């Protein structure tokens, strides 16, 4: 992934446990991809998930 994520607005799920900080964060607004990272150590590499795959994943979780 070559997108500049310096000013990315990272967010966690509203269903995450805010006390443990043990969840994933995603950044919105990056064309064609959803960057995903570990909230416990944000220095680790970001995993770029194709936007269509992320949408399928979220739809599956909702069903």
C-alpha atoms as a PDB file:
ATOM      1  CA  UNK A   1       0.000   0.000   0.000  1.00  0.00           C
ATOM      2  CA  UNK A   2       1.412   3.351  -0.975  1.00  0.00           C
ATOM      3  CA  UNK A   3      -1.280   5.678   0.369  1.00  0.00           C
ATOM      4  CA  UNK A   4      -0.104   8.446   2.673  1.00  0.00           C
ATOM      5  CA  UNK A   5      -1.733   7.679   6.028  1.00  0.00           C
ATOM      6  CA  UNK A   6      -0.031  10.474   7.958  1.00  0.00           C
ATOM      7  CA  UNK A   7      -3.314  12.328   8.495  1.00  0.00           C
ATOM      8  CA  UNK A   8      -5.620   9.311   8.401  1.00  0.00           C
ATOM      9  CA  UNK A   9      -8.552   9.395  10.799  1.00  0.00           C
ATOM     10  CA  UNK A  10      -8.374   6.000  12.488  1.00  0.00           C
ATOM     11  CA  UNK A  11     -11.442   4.605  14.244  1.00  0.00           C
ATOM     12  CA  UNK A  12     -12.455   1.539  16.218  1.00  0.00           C
ATOM     13  CA  UNK A  13     -15.760  -0.267  16.123  1.00  0.00           C
ATOM     14  CA  UNK A  14     -18.436   1.101  18.400  1.00  0.00           C
ATOM     15  CA  UNK A  15     -18.721  -2.484  19.668  1.00  0.00           C
ATOM     16  CA  UNK A  16     -15.102  -2.690  20.814  1.00  0.00           C
ATOM     17  CA  UNK A  17     -14.105  -2.807  24.454  1.00  0.00           C
ATOM     18  CA  UNK A  18     -12.694   0.673  24.996  1.00  0.00           C
ATOM     19  CA  UNK A  19     -10.907  -0.358  28.197  1.00  0.00           C
ATOM     20  CA  UNK A  20      -8.587  -3.007  26.778  1.00  0.00           C
ATOM     21  CA  UNK A  21      -7.467  -1.268  23.581  1.00  0.00           C
ATOM     22  CA  UNK A  22      -7.355  -4.773  22.072  1.00  0.00           C
ATOM     23  CA  UNK A  23      -8.980  -4.315  18.731  1.00  0.00           C
ATOM     24  CA  UNK A  24      -8.463  -3.233  15.167  1.00  0.00           C
ATOM     25  CA  UNK A  25      -8.647   0.266  13.808  1.00  0.00           C
ATOM     26  CA  UNK A  26      -9.604   1.229  10.273  1.00  0.00           C
ATOM     27  CA  UNK A  27      -9.185   4.430   8.306  1.00  0.00           C
ATOM     28  CA  UNK A  28     -11.882   5.698   5.973  1.00  0.00           C
ATOM     29  CA  UNK A  29     -11.550   7.767   2.846  1.00  0.00           C
ATOM     30  CA  UNK A  30      -8.681   5.961   1.116  1.00  0.00           C
ATOM     31  CA  UNK A  31      -9.716   5.161  -2.465  1.00  0.00           C
ATOM     32  CA  UNK A  32     -10.133   1.452  -3.167  1.00  0.00           C
ATOM     33  CA  UNK A  33      -8.709   0.191   0.106  1.00  0.00           C
ATOM     34  CA  UNK A  34      -9.500   0.050   3.818  1.00  0.00           C
ATOM     35  CA  UNK A  35      -6.306   0.304   5.868  1.00  0.00           C
ATOM     36  CA  UNK A  36      -6.442  -1.863   9.003  1.00  0.00           C
ATOM     37  CA  UNK A  37      -4.041  -1.747  11.943  1.00  0.00           C
ATOM     38  CA  UNK A  38      -3.612  -3.168  15.441  1.00  0.00           C
ATOM     39  CA  UNK A  39      -4.753  -0.637  18.029  1.00  0.00           C
ATOM     40  CA  UNK A  40      -2.366  -2.051  20.656  1.00  0.00           C
ATOM     41  CA  UNK A  41       0.731  -1.190  18.626  1.00  0.00           C
ATOM     42  CA  UNK A  42       0.089   1.311  15.877  1.00  0.00           C
ATOM     43  CA  UNK A  43       3.746   1.104  14.802  1.00  0.00           C
ATOM     44  CA  UNK A  44       3.124  -2.327  13.273  1.00  0.00           C
ATOM     45  CA  UNK A  45       2.515  -2.494   9.519  1.00  0.00           C
ATOM     46  CA  UNK A  46      -0.880  -1.482   8.193  1.00  0.00           C
ATOM     47  CA  UNK A  47      -2.815  -4.197   6.361  1.00  0.00           C
ATOM     48  CA  UNK A  48      -4.453  -2.871   3.199  1.00  0.00           C
ATOM     49  CA  UNK A  49      -7.774  -4.645   2.591  1.00  0.00           C
ATOM     50  CA  UNK A  50      -9.439  -4.123  -0.792  1.00  0.00           C
ATOM     51  CA  UNK A  51     -12.597  -2.054  -0.267  1.00  0.00           C
ATOM     52  CA  UNK A  52     -14.845  -4.669  -1.898  1.00  0.00           C
ATOM     53  CA  UNK A  53     -13.459  -7.392   0.400  1.00  0.00           C
ATOM     54  CA  UNK A  54     -13.979  -5.190   3.464  1.00  0.00           C
ATOM     55  CA  UNK A  55     -17.593  -4.502   2.432  1.00  0.00           C
ATOM     56  CA  UNK A  56     -18.214  -8.240   2.020  1.00  0.00           C
ATOM     57  CA  UNK A  57     -16.670  -8.896   5.443  1.00  0.00           C
ATOM     58  CA  UNK A  58     -18.840  -6.246   7.128  1.00  0.00           C
ATOM     59  CA  UNK A  59     -21.982  -7.514   5.382  1.00  0.00           C
ATOM     60  CA  UNK A  60     -21.195 -11.019   6.648  1.00  0.00           C
ATOM     61  CA  UNK A  61     -20.772  -9.746  10.205  1.00  0.00           C
ATOM     62  CA  UNK A  62     -24.126  -7.972  10.051  1.00  0.00           C
ATOM     63  CA  UNK A  63     -25.991 -11.066   8.876  1.00  0.00           C
END
